[in-house]
Amino acid sequence: MAGDAADRVELTEQEQQILLDLARRTIEQYVSDGSVPELPSGDPVLEQPRAVFVTLHKHGQLRGCIGTLEAREPLAAAVRSSAISAATQDPRFPPVRPDEVDDLEIEISVLSPLKKVNSPDEIIVGEHGVMVCRGMRRGVFLPQVAPEQGWDRDTMLTCLCAHKAGLSPDAWRPPDCDLYVFTCQVFSEGEH
């Protein structure tokens, strides 16, 4: 189950701050001149491959959110890549302008590996992020989405299918598609 202690990510306060600073510097540099900062070195935790999402808020409203569900690069590099993508490639928003950067609040979600579940009953709202898959279609919600929206499990899965995966709203009901869960360590500038 995704709640297994071995799958949990626990970064120290210092590691969280290093990653938040890296994400902010990356966005500042990239949107102003296309450059990127050097990656931090010396901390083996930041060099381990991890899946990451970077979420941007502006005045409390979503401004961008992009990441990966699979660990493809070291954690620090994944934060840098996802920060650039969240700021410039989220198709729901225009690219972040240099004059907006100071108004952004950055949130980072470091994901555990995906675990397939056999039943929607195994999903714990607020603890699990969820991915729904059928064929080439898939949709993902991070663990914090359902509580932020005030959704129960059924509402979350219905919205995930209909609005993120492009499936029928009840496609999550067995046996129509596969469900995967993951946990996250979520931290943001507002906490530091």
N, C-alpha and C. Protein backbone atom coordinates (compact mmCIF):
# COMPACT_ATOMS: atom_id res chain seq x y z
N MET A 1 0.85 -1.19 0.00
CA MET A 1 0.00 0.00 0.00
C MET A 1 0.88 1.24 0.00
N ALA A 2 0.42 2.31 -0.59
CA ALA A 2 1.23 3.52 -0.73
C ALA A 2 1.59 4.15 0.60
N GLY A 3 0.91 3.80 1.65
CA GLY A 3 1.21 4.37 2.95
C GLY A 3 2.37 3.70 3.65
N ASP A 4 2.98 2.68 3.04
CA ASP A 4 4.10 1.99 3.66
C ASP A 4 5.21 2.98 3.97
N ALA A 5 5.80 2.83 5.15
CA ALA A 5 6.83 3.76 5.60
C ALA A 5 8.01 3.80 4.63
N ALA A 6 8.34 2.68 4.00
CA ALA A 6 9.49 2.64 3.09
C ALA A 6 9.28 3.53 1.87
N ASP A 7 8.04 3.79 1.50
CA ASP A 7 7.76 4.61 0.33
C ASP A 7 7.66 6.09 0.65
N ARG A 8 7.56 6.43 1.90
CA ARG A 8 7.37 7.83 2.27
C ARG A 8 8.65 8.62 2.05
N VAL A 9 8.47 9.85 1.63
CA VAL A 9 9.57 10.76 1.41
C VAL A 9 9.62 11.69 2.62
N GLU A 10 10.76 11.80 3.24
CA GLU A 10 10.87 12.73 4.38
C GLU A 10 12.13 13.57 4.21
N LEU A 11 11.96 14.74 3.64
CA LEU A 11 13.07 15.67 3.49
C LEU A 11 13.18 16.52 4.75
N THR A 12 14.40 16.88 5.10
CA THR A 12 14.60 17.76 6.25
C THR A 12 14.15 19.19 5.89
N GLU A 13 13.98 20.01 6.91
CA GLU A 13 13.63 21.43 6.67
C GLU A 13 14.67 22.08 5.77
N GLN A 14 15.95 21.78 6.01
CA GLN A 14 17.02 22.37 5.20
C GLN A 14 16.91 21.92 3.74
N GLU A 15 16.65 20.64 3.50
CA GLU A 15 16.50 20.14 2.13
C GLU A 15 15.29 20.77 1.45
N GLN A 16 14.20 20.91 2.19
CA GLN A 16 13.02 21.57 1.63
C GLN A 16 13.36 23.00 1.22
N GLN A 17 14.06 23.73 2.09
CA GLN A 17 14.40 25.12 1.79
C GLN A 17 15.33 25.22 0.57
N ILE A 18 16.28 24.29 0.47
CA ILE A 18 17.18 24.27 -0.70
C ILE A 18 16.36 24.10 -1.98
N LEU A 19 15.39 23.20 -1.97
CA LEU A 19 14.58 22.95 -3.16
C LEU A 19 13.65 24.13 -3.47
N LEU A 20 13.06 24.73 -2.46
CA LEU A 20 12.22 25.91 -2.69
C LEU A 20 13.04 27.07 -3.26
N ASP A 21 14.23 27.28 -2.71
CA ASP A 21 15.11 28.34 -3.23
C ASP A 21 15.52 28.05 -4.68
N LEU A 22 15.82 26.78 -4.95
CA LEU A 22 16.18 26.38 -6.32
C LEU A 22 15.03 26.65 -7.28
N ALA A 23 13.81 26.26 -6.89
CA ALA A 23 12.65 26.48 -7.76
C ALA A 23 12.45 27.98 -8.03
N ARG A 24 12.56 28.81 -7.00
CA ARG A 24 12.36 30.25 -7.18
C ARG A 24 13.45 30.83 -8.07
N ARG A 25 14.71 30.50 -7.81
CA ARG A 25 15.80 31.03 -8.64
C ARG A 25 15.65 30.57 -10.09
N THR A 26 15.23 29.32 -10.27
CA THR A 26 15.04 28.78 -11.62
C THR A 26 13.99 29.59 -12.37
N ILE A 27 12.85 29.82 -11.74
CA ILE A 27 11.78 30.57 -12.40
C ILE A 27 12.24 31.99 -12.69
N GLU A 28 12.85 32.64 -11.70
CA GLU A 28 13.33 34.03 -11.90
C GLU A 28 14.27 34.11 -13.09
N GLN A 29 15.28 33.24 -13.13
CA GLN A 29 16.25 33.29 -14.21
C GLN A 29 15.64 32.90 -15.54
N TYR A 30 14.86 31.82 -15.56
CA TYR A 30 14.36 31.30 -16.81
C TYR A 30 13.41 32.27 -17.50
N VAL A 31 12.50 32.88 -16.74
CA VAL A 31 11.55 33.79 -17.39
C VAL A 31 12.18 35.14 -17.73
N SER A 32 13.32 35.47 -17.12
CA SER A 32 13.94 36.75 -17.47
C SER A 32 14.97 36.63 -18.58
N ASP A 33 15.80 35.55 -18.58
CA ASP A 33 16.82 35.47 -19.63
C ASP A 33 17.04 34.06 -20.19
N GLY A 34 16.23 33.09 -19.80
CA GLY A 34 16.35 31.74 -20.35
C GLY A 34 17.43 30.88 -19.73
N SER A 35 18.14 31.42 -18.74
CA SER A 35 19.19 30.63 -18.09
C SER A 35 18.61 29.85 -16.91
N VAL A 36 19.40 28.93 -16.39
CA VAL A 36 18.99 28.16 -15.21
C VAL A 36 20.14 28.15 -14.21
N PRO A 37 19.82 28.09 -12.91
CA PRO A 37 20.88 28.05 -11.90
C PRO A 37 21.55 26.67 -11.84
N GLU A 38 22.73 26.65 -11.26
CA GLU A 38 23.42 25.38 -11.02
C GLU A 38 22.63 24.58 -10.00
N LEU A 39 22.73 23.26 -10.11
CA LEU A 39 22.07 22.39 -9.13
C LEU A 39 22.90 22.34 -7.86
N PRO A 40 22.23 22.25 -6.70
CA PRO A 40 22.98 22.10 -5.45
C PRO A 40 23.69 20.74 -5.45
N SER A 41 24.81 20.67 -4.76
CA SER A 41 25.53 19.40 -4.70
C SER A 41 25.92 19.13 -3.25
N GLY A 42 26.29 17.90 -3.00
CA GLY A 42 26.76 17.54 -1.67
C GLY A 42 25.73 16.86 -0.79
N ASP A 43 24.46 16.86 -1.19
CA ASP A 43 23.43 16.19 -0.40
C ASP A 43 22.93 15.00 -1.20
N PRO A 44 23.26 13.77 -0.77
CA PRO A 44 22.86 12.59 -1.55
C PRO A 44 21.35 12.46 -1.71
N VAL A 45 20.57 12.97 -0.78
CA VAL A 45 19.11 12.89 -0.89
C VAL A 45 18.63 13.66 -2.12
N LEU A 46 19.24 14.79 -2.40
CA LEU A 46 18.84 15.62 -3.53
C LEU A 46 19.31 15.05 -4.86
N GLU A 47 20.16 14.05 -4.78
CA GLU A 47 20.68 13.40 -5.99
C GLU A 47 19.98 12.08 -6.29
N GLN A 48 19.05 11.66 -5.42
CA GLN A 48 18.29 10.43 -5.66
C GLN A 48 17.16 10.72 -6.64
N PRO A 49 16.92 9.82 -7.60
CA PRO A 49 15.80 10.02 -8.52
C PRO A 49 14.47 10.04 -7.76
N ARG A 50 13.66 11.05 -8.04
CA ARG A 50 12.33 11.18 -7.42
C ARG A 50 11.37 11.81 -8.41
N ALA A 51 10.10 11.45 -8.28
CA ALA A 51 9.04 12.11 -9.04
C ALA A 51 8.61 13.34 -8.25
N VAL A 52 8.34 14.43 -8.97
CA VAL A 52 8.08 15.73 -8.34
C VAL A 52 7.03 16.49 -9.12
N PHE A 53 6.22 17.27 -8.40
CA PHE A 53 5.36 18.28 -9.01
C PHE A 53 5.71 19.62 -8.39
N VAL A 54 5.73 20.65 -9.21
CA VAL A 54 5.86 22.02 -8.73
C VAL A 54 4.56 22.74 -9.05
N THR A 55 3.97 23.33 -8.03
CA THR A 55 2.70 24.05 -8.16
C THR A 55 2.95 25.52 -7.86
N LEU A 56 2.43 26.39 -8.71
CA LEU A 56 2.55 27.84 -8.53
C LEU A 56 1.18 28.42 -8.22
N HIS A 57 1.13 29.27 -7.22
CA HIS A 57 -0.09 30.03 -6.91
C HIS A 57 0.24 31.52 -6.99
N LYS A 58 -0.72 32.28 -7.46
CA LYS A 58 -0.58 33.74 -7.50
C LYS A 58 -1.82 34.31 -6.83
N HIS A 59 -1.61 35.02 -5.73
CA HIS A 59 -2.71 35.58 -4.95
C HIS A 59 -3.73 34.51 -4.58
N GLY A 60 -3.24 33.32 -4.21
CA GLY A 60 -4.11 32.24 -3.77
C GLY A 60 -4.75 31.42 -4.89
N GLN A 61 -4.53 31.80 -6.14
CA GLN A 61 -5.12 31.10 -7.28
C GLN A 61 -4.05 30.29 -8.01
N LEU A 62 -4.44 29.11 -8.50
CA LEU A 62 -3.51 28.29 -9.25
C LEU A 62 -2.96 29.06 -10.45
N ARG A 63 -1.64 28.99 -10.66
CA ARG A 63 -1.00 29.69 -11.77
C ARG A 63 -0.19 28.74 -12.66
N GLY A 64 -0.03 27.49 -12.18
CA GLY A 64 0.68 26.48 -12.97
C GLY A 64 1.00 25.28 -12.09
N CYS A 65 0.97 24.11 -12.70
CA CYS A 65 1.31 22.88 -11.96
C CYS A 65 1.73 21.83 -12.97
N ILE A 66 3.00 21.43 -12.87
CA ILE A 66 3.54 20.42 -13.79
C ILE A 66 4.52 19.55 -13.00
N GLY A 67 4.58 18.30 -13.37
CA GLY A 67 5.53 17.40 -12.75
C GLY A 67 5.56 16.07 -13.45
N THR A 68 6.17 15.10 -12.78
CA THR A 68 6.27 13.76 -13.31
C THR A 68 5.78 12.76 -12.27
N LEU A 69 5.24 11.65 -12.74
CA LEU A 69 4.77 10.60 -11.85
C LEU A 69 5.83 9.53 -11.62
N GLU A 70 6.86 9.54 -12.43
CA GLU A 70 7.93 8.56 -12.31
C GLU A 70 9.25 9.28 -12.12
N ALA A 71 10.11 8.68 -11.33
CA ALA A 71 11.43 9.26 -11.05
C ALA A 71 12.31 9.09 -12.29
N ARG A 72 12.54 10.19 -13.00
CA ARG A 72 13.34 10.15 -14.23
C ARG A 72 14.69 10.84 -14.08
N GLU A 73 14.82 11.68 -13.05
CA GLU A 73 16.07 12.40 -12.85
C GLU A 73 16.24 12.67 -11.35
N PRO A 74 17.45 13.07 -10.93
CA PRO A 74 17.66 13.36 -9.52
C PRO A 74 16.68 14.43 -9.01
N LEU A 75 16.37 14.37 -7.72
CA LEU A 75 15.37 15.24 -7.12
C LEU A 75 15.60 16.72 -7.45
N ALA A 76 16.80 17.23 -7.23
CA ALA A 76 17.05 18.65 -7.49
C ALA A 76 16.84 18.99 -8.96
N ALA A 77 17.30 18.12 -9.86
CA ALA A 77 17.11 18.36 -11.29
C ALA A 77 15.63 18.30 -11.66
N ALA A 78 14.88 17.39 -11.02
CA ALA A 78 13.44 17.28 -11.28
C ALA A 78 12.71 18.53 -10.82
N VAL A 79 13.12 19.10 -9.69
CA VAL A 79 12.50 20.35 -9.22
C VAL A 79 12.79 21.46 -10.21
N ARG A 80 14.03 21.56 -10.67
CA ARG A 80 14.38 22.61 -11.63
C ARG A 80 13.58 22.46 -12.92
N SER A 81 13.50 21.24 -13.47
CA SER A 81 12.74 21.01 -14.70
C SER A 81 11.25 21.31 -14.52
N SER A 82 10.69 20.84 -13.40
CA SER A 82 9.26 21.04 -13.16
C SER A 82 8.93 22.50 -12.90
N ALA A 83 9.84 23.23 -12.27
CA ALA A 83 9.62 24.66 -12.03
C ALA A 83 9.53 25.41 -13.37
N ILE A 84 10.43 25.08 -14.29
CA ILE A 84 10.39 25.71 -15.62
C ILE A 84 9.08 25.36 -16.32
N SER A 85 8.71 24.08 -16.28
CA SER A 85 7.49 23.65 -16.96
C SER A 85 6.25 24.28 -16.34
N ALA A 86 6.17 24.33 -15.01
CA ALA A 86 5.00 24.92 -14.34
C ALA A 86 4.87 26.40 -14.70
N ALA A 87 6.01 27.08 -14.85
CA ALA A 87 5.99 28.52 -15.14
C ALA A 87 5.73 28.82 -16.61
N THR A 88 6.09 27.89 -17.50
CA THR A 88 6.05 28.25 -18.92
C THR A 88 5.28 27.29 -19.82
N GLN A 89 4.93 26.08 -19.33
CA GLN A 89 4.35 25.09 -20.24
C GLN A 89 3.01 24.52 -19.80
N ASP A 90 2.43 25.01 -18.70
CA ASP A 90 1.11 24.52 -18.31
C ASP A 90 0.11 25.07 -19.32
N PRO A 91 -0.55 24.19 -20.09
CA PRO A 91 -1.42 24.67 -21.17
C PRO A 91 -2.65 25.45 -20.69
N ARG A 92 -2.92 25.40 -19.40
CA ARG A 92 -4.08 26.14 -18.87
C ARG A 92 -3.79 27.62 -18.66
N PHE A 93 -2.50 28.01 -18.73
CA PHE A 93 -2.11 29.38 -18.40
C PHE A 93 -1.08 29.90 -19.39
N PRO A 94 -1.05 31.23 -19.59
CA PRO A 94 0.05 31.80 -20.36
C PRO A 94 1.35 31.69 -19.55
N PRO A 95 2.50 31.74 -20.21
CA PRO A 95 3.76 31.68 -19.47
C PRO A 95 3.86 32.81 -18.44
N VAL A 96 4.50 32.50 -17.33
CA VAL A 96 4.73 33.49 -16.29
C VAL A 96 5.64 34.58 -16.85
N ARG A 97 5.28 35.82 -16.58
CA ARG A 97 6.08 36.97 -17.00
C ARG A 97 7.04 37.36 -15.87
N PRO A 98 8.17 37.99 -16.20
CA PRO A 98 9.12 38.39 -15.16
C PRO A 98 8.48 39.25 -14.06
N ASP A 99 7.51 40.10 -14.42
CA ASP A 99 6.91 40.98 -13.41
C ASP A 99 5.93 40.23 -12.49
N GLU A 100 5.64 38.96 -12.76
CA GLU A 100 4.75 38.16 -11.91
C GLU A 100 5.51 37.35 -10.85
N VAL A 101 6.79 37.14 -11.03
CA VAL A 101 7.54 36.19 -10.21
C VAL A 101 7.43 36.51 -8.72
N ASP A 102 7.51 37.79 -8.35
CA ASP A 102 7.44 38.14 -6.93
C ASP A 102 6.09 37.82 -6.31
N ASP A 103 5.05 37.68 -7.12
CA ASP A 103 3.71 37.38 -6.61
C ASP A 103 3.42 35.88 -6.52
N LEU A 104 4.37 35.06 -6.94
CA LEU A 104 4.15 33.61 -6.94
C LEU A 104 4.50 33.00 -5.59
N GLU A 105 3.71 32.02 -5.18
CA GLU A 105 4.07 31.16 -4.05
C GLU A 105 4.30 29.78 -4.63
N ILE A 106 5.42 29.19 -4.28
CA ILE A 106 5.84 27.91 -4.84
C ILE A 106 5.58 26.79 -3.85
N GLU A 107 4.98 25.71 -4.36
CA GLU A 107 4.73 24.50 -3.57
C GLU A 107 5.37 23.33 -4.30
N ILE A 108 6.05 22.48 -3.56
CA ILE A 108 6.70 21.30 -4.14
C ILE A 108 6.09 20.05 -3.51
N SER A 109 5.77 19.08 -4.36
CA SER A 109 5.27 17.78 -3.92
C SER A 109 6.25 16.72 -4.39
N VAL A 110 6.85 16.00 -3.44
CA VAL A 110 7.77 14.92 -3.76
C VAL A 110 7.00 13.61 -3.58
N LEU A 111 6.90 12.83 -4.65
CA LEU A 111 6.02 11.67 -4.68
C LEU A 111 6.71 10.37 -4.32
N SER A 112 5.93 9.49 -3.69
CA SER A 112 6.36 8.10 -3.52
C SER A 112 6.12 7.38 -4.84
N PRO A 113 6.63 6.17 -4.98
CA PRO A 113 6.32 5.38 -6.19
C PRO A 113 4.81 5.08 -6.27
N LEU A 114 4.31 4.96 -7.49
CA LEU A 114 2.91 4.59 -7.72
C LEU A 114 2.65 3.15 -7.28
N LYS A 115 1.47 2.94 -6.69
CA LYS A 115 1.03 1.59 -6.29
C LYS A 115 -0.37 1.36 -6.85
N LYS A 116 -0.55 0.25 -7.55
CA LYS A 116 -1.87 -0.07 -8.08
C LYS A 116 -2.76 -0.55 -6.93
N VAL A 117 -4.02 -0.08 -6.92
CA VAL A 117 -4.99 -0.55 -5.94
C VAL A 117 -6.05 -1.39 -6.66
N ASN A 118 -6.62 -2.31 -5.92
CA ASN A 118 -7.62 -3.21 -6.50
C ASN A 118 -9.03 -2.67 -6.39
N SER A 119 -9.21 -1.67 -5.53
CA SER A 119 -10.55 -1.14 -5.29
C SER A 119 -10.48 0.33 -4.92
N PRO A 120 -11.45 1.13 -5.33
CA PRO A 120 -11.49 2.52 -4.90
C PRO A 120 -11.56 2.66 -3.38
N ASP A 121 -12.04 1.62 -2.70
CA ASP A 121 -12.14 1.65 -1.24
C ASP A 121 -10.78 1.77 -0.56
N GLU A 122 -9.71 1.44 -1.27
CA GLU A 122 -8.36 1.53 -0.71
C GLU A 122 -7.81 2.96 -0.72
N ILE A 123 -8.47 3.87 -1.42
CA ILE A 123 -7.99 5.24 -1.56
C ILE A 123 -8.39 6.05 -0.33
N ILE A 124 -7.41 6.69 0.29
CA ILE A 124 -7.66 7.54 1.46
C ILE A 124 -7.55 8.99 1.02
N VAL A 125 -8.68 9.69 1.03
CA VAL A 125 -8.73 11.09 0.61
C VAL A 125 -7.84 11.92 1.55
N GLY A 126 -7.01 12.76 0.96
CA GLY A 126 -6.12 13.61 1.73
C GLY A 126 -4.76 12.99 1.99
N GLU A 127 -4.68 11.67 1.94
CA GLU A 127 -3.40 10.99 2.10
C GLU A 127 -2.84 10.53 0.76
N HIS A 128 -3.72 10.04 -0.10
CA HIS A 128 -3.30 9.50 -1.38
C HIS A 128 -3.55 10.46 -2.53
N GLY A 129 -2.54 10.60 -3.39
CA GLY A 129 -2.77 11.13 -4.71
C GLY A 129 -3.27 9.96 -5.54
N VAL A 130 -3.97 10.26 -6.63
CA VAL A 130 -4.58 9.20 -7.42
C VAL A 130 -4.31 9.42 -8.91
N MET A 131 -4.01 8.32 -9.60
CA MET A 131 -3.92 8.33 -11.05
C MET A 131 -4.93 7.31 -11.57
N VAL A 132 -5.74 7.73 -12.54
CA VAL A 132 -6.68 6.83 -13.20
C VAL A 132 -6.16 6.61 -14.62
N CYS A 133 -6.21 5.36 -15.09
CA CYS A 133 -5.72 5.02 -16.43
C CYS A 133 -6.70 4.10 -17.14
N ARG A 134 -6.91 4.41 -18.41
CA ARG A 134 -7.62 3.47 -19.30
C ARG A 134 -7.07 3.73 -20.69
N GLY A 135 -6.47 2.69 -21.25
CA GLY A 135 -5.84 2.84 -22.56
C GLY A 135 -4.76 3.90 -22.49
N MET A 136 -4.81 4.85 -23.41
CA MET A 136 -3.83 5.94 -23.44
C MET A 136 -4.25 7.13 -22.60
N ARG A 137 -5.42 7.08 -22.02
CA ARG A 137 -5.93 8.20 -21.23
C ARG A 137 -5.57 8.03 -19.76
N ARG A 138 -5.14 9.15 -19.16
CA ARG A 138 -4.87 9.11 -17.73
C ARG A 138 -5.06 10.51 -17.15
N GLY A 139 -5.33 10.52 -15.88
CA GLY A 139 -5.48 11.78 -15.16
C GLY A 139 -4.94 11.61 -13.75
N VAL A 140 -4.47 12.71 -13.17
CA VAL A 140 -3.83 12.66 -11.85
C VAL A 140 -4.32 13.82 -11.00
N PHE A 141 -4.56 13.52 -9.73
CA PHE A 141 -4.75 14.54 -8.70
C PHE A 141 -3.73 14.28 -7.60
N LEU A 142 -3.06 15.34 -7.16
CA LEU A 142 -2.18 15.24 -6.00
C LEU A 142 -3.03 15.06 -4.75
N PRO A 143 -2.46 14.56 -3.64
CA PRO A 143 -3.26 14.30 -2.44
C PRO A 143 -3.97 15.53 -1.89
N GLN A 144 -3.43 16.70 -2.06
CA GLN A 144 -4.01 17.91 -1.49
C GLN A 144 -5.22 18.44 -2.26
N VAL A 145 -5.46 17.96 -3.47
CA VAL A 145 -6.53 18.50 -4.31
C VAL A 145 -7.91 18.25 -3.70
N ALA A 146 -8.21 17.01 -3.35
CA ALA A 146 -9.56 16.68 -2.83
C ALA A 146 -9.90 17.47 -1.56
N PRO A 147 -9.01 17.53 -0.56
CA PRO A 147 -9.34 18.34 0.62
C PRO A 147 -9.50 19.83 0.31
N GLU A 148 -8.66 20.35 -0.59
CA GLU A 148 -8.78 21.77 -0.96
C GLU A 148 -10.14 22.06 -1.60
N GLN A 149 -10.67 21.08 -2.34
CA GLN A 149 -11.94 21.27 -3.03
C GLN A 149 -13.14 20.83 -2.18
N GLY A 150 -12.87 20.19 -1.05
CA GLY A 150 -13.96 19.70 -0.20
C GLY A 150 -14.63 18.45 -0.76
N TRP A 151 -13.89 17.65 -1.53
CA TRP A 151 -14.44 16.48 -2.19
C TRP A 151 -14.30 15.23 -1.32
N ASP A 152 -15.29 14.35 -1.43
CA ASP A 152 -15.15 13.00 -0.90
C ASP A 152 -14.51 12.14 -1.99
N ARG A 153 -14.28 10.86 -1.70
CA ARG A 153 -13.58 9.99 -2.65
C ARG A 153 -14.33 9.86 -3.97
N ASP A 154 -15.63 9.63 -3.92
CA ASP A 154 -16.39 9.44 -5.16
C ASP A 154 -16.37 10.70 -6.03
N THR A 155 -16.53 11.86 -5.40
CA THR A 155 -16.51 13.12 -6.15
C THR A 155 -15.14 13.34 -6.78
N MET A 156 -14.08 13.05 -6.00
CA MET A 156 -12.72 13.21 -6.52
C MET A 156 -12.51 12.31 -7.75
N LEU A 157 -12.91 11.05 -7.65
CA LEU A 157 -12.70 10.12 -8.75
C LEU A 157 -13.55 10.50 -9.97
N THR A 158 -14.75 10.97 -9.73
CA THR A 158 -15.62 11.42 -10.83
C THR A 158 -14.99 12.60 -11.55
N CYS A 159 -14.50 13.59 -10.80
CA CYS A 159 -13.85 14.77 -11.40
C CYS A 159 -12.55 14.38 -12.10
N LEU A 160 -11.81 13.46 -11.52
CA LEU A 160 -10.56 13.01 -12.12
C LEU A 160 -10.82 12.37 -13.49
N CYS A 161 -11.81 11.52 -13.56
CA CYS A 161 -12.13 10.87 -14.84
C CYS A 161 -12.65 11.88 -15.86
N ALA A 162 -13.62 12.70 -15.45
CA ALA A 162 -14.30 13.59 -16.39
C ALA A 162 -13.44 14.78 -16.81
N HIS A 163 -12.68 15.35 -15.87
CA HIS A 163 -11.99 16.61 -16.16
C HIS A 163 -10.50 16.48 -16.44
N LYS A 164 -9.88 15.42 -15.97
CA LYS A 164 -8.44 15.27 -16.18
C LYS A 164 -8.10 14.18 -17.20
N ALA A 165 -8.85 13.09 -17.18
CA ALA A 165 -8.52 11.96 -18.05
C ALA A 165 -9.34 11.94 -19.33
N GLY A 166 -10.39 12.76 -19.41
CA GLY A 166 -11.23 12.76 -20.60
C GLY A 166 -12.05 11.49 -20.74
N LEU A 167 -12.38 10.89 -19.62
CA LEU A 167 -13.18 9.67 -19.60
C LEU A 167 -14.59 9.99 -19.14
N SER A 168 -15.48 9.02 -19.19
CA SER A 168 -16.82 9.24 -18.65
C SER A 168 -16.70 9.42 -17.13
N PRO A 169 -17.59 10.21 -16.54
CA PRO A 169 -17.47 10.50 -15.10
C PRO A 169 -17.44 9.27 -14.20
N ASP A 170 -18.07 8.18 -14.61
CA ASP A 170 -18.10 6.99 -13.75
C ASP A 170 -17.11 5.91 -14.21
N ALA A 171 -16.14 6.28 -15.04
CA ALA A 171 -15.17 5.30 -15.54
C ALA A 171 -14.33 4.70 -14.42
N TRP A 172 -14.25 5.37 -13.28
CA TRP A 172 -13.43 4.86 -12.17
C TRP A 172 -14.04 3.63 -11.51
N ARG A 173 -15.31 3.40 -11.74
CA ARG A 173 -15.95 2.24 -11.10
C ARG A 173 -15.44 0.96 -11.76
N PRO A 174 -15.05 -0.03 -10.94
CA PRO A 174 -14.51 -1.27 -11.49
C PRO A 174 -15.50 -1.90 -12.46
N PRO A 175 -15.01 -2.57 -13.49
CA PRO A 175 -13.61 -2.83 -13.83
C PRO A 175 -13.11 -1.94 -14.95
N ASP A 176 -13.68 -0.75 -15.12
CA ASP A 176 -13.40 0.06 -16.31
C ASP A 176 -11.97 0.56 -16.46
N CYS A 177 -11.28 0.86 -15.38
CA CYS A 177 -9.92 1.38 -15.53
C CYS A 177 -9.06 1.01 -14.34
N ASP A 178 -7.79 1.33 -14.45
CA ASP A 178 -6.83 1.04 -13.39
C ASP A 178 -6.67 2.27 -12.51
N LEU A 179 -6.55 2.04 -11.21
CA LEU A 179 -6.33 3.11 -10.25
C LEU A 179 -5.00 2.88 -9.55
N TYR A 180 -4.23 3.96 -9.42
CA TYR A 180 -2.94 3.94 -8.73
C TYR A 180 -2.95 5.03 -7.67
N VAL A 181 -2.26 4.79 -6.57
CA VAL A 181 -2.14 5.79 -5.52
C VAL A 181 -0.68 6.08 -5.23
N PHE A 182 -0.44 7.21 -4.61
CA PHE A 182 0.89 7.60 -4.16
C PHE A 182 0.72 8.58 -3.01
N THR A 183 1.77 8.73 -2.23
CA THR A 183 1.78 9.73 -1.17
C THR A 183 2.77 10.81 -1.56
N CYS A 184 2.72 11.92 -0.86
CA CYS A 184 3.62 13.05 -1.15
C CYS A 184 4.11 13.68 0.15
N GLN A 185 5.28 14.23 0.07
CA GLN A 185 5.68 15.21 1.08
C GLN A 185 5.51 16.55 0.37
N VAL A 186 4.63 17.38 0.91
CA VAL A 186 4.28 18.65 0.30
C VAL A 186 4.79 19.76 1.19
N PHE A 187 5.47 20.74 0.58
CA PHE A 187 5.96 21.89 1.33
C PHE A 187 5.94 23.11 0.43
N SER A 188 5.80 24.28 1.05
CA SER A 188 5.69 25.51 0.26
C SER A 188 6.40 26.66 0.94
N GLU A 189 6.60 27.72 0.18
CA GLU A 189 7.26 28.89 0.72
C GLU A 189 6.50 29.50 1.88
N GLY A 190 5.18 29.38 1.87
CA GLY A 190 4.38 29.94 2.95
C GLY A 190 4.67 29.32 4.30
N GLU A 191 5.27 28.13 4.31
CA GLU A 191 5.59 27.42 5.56
C GLU A 191 7.00 27.73 6.04
N HIS A 192 7.82 28.32 5.19
CA HIS A 192 9.25 28.50 5.52
C HIS A 192 9.58 29.95 5.72
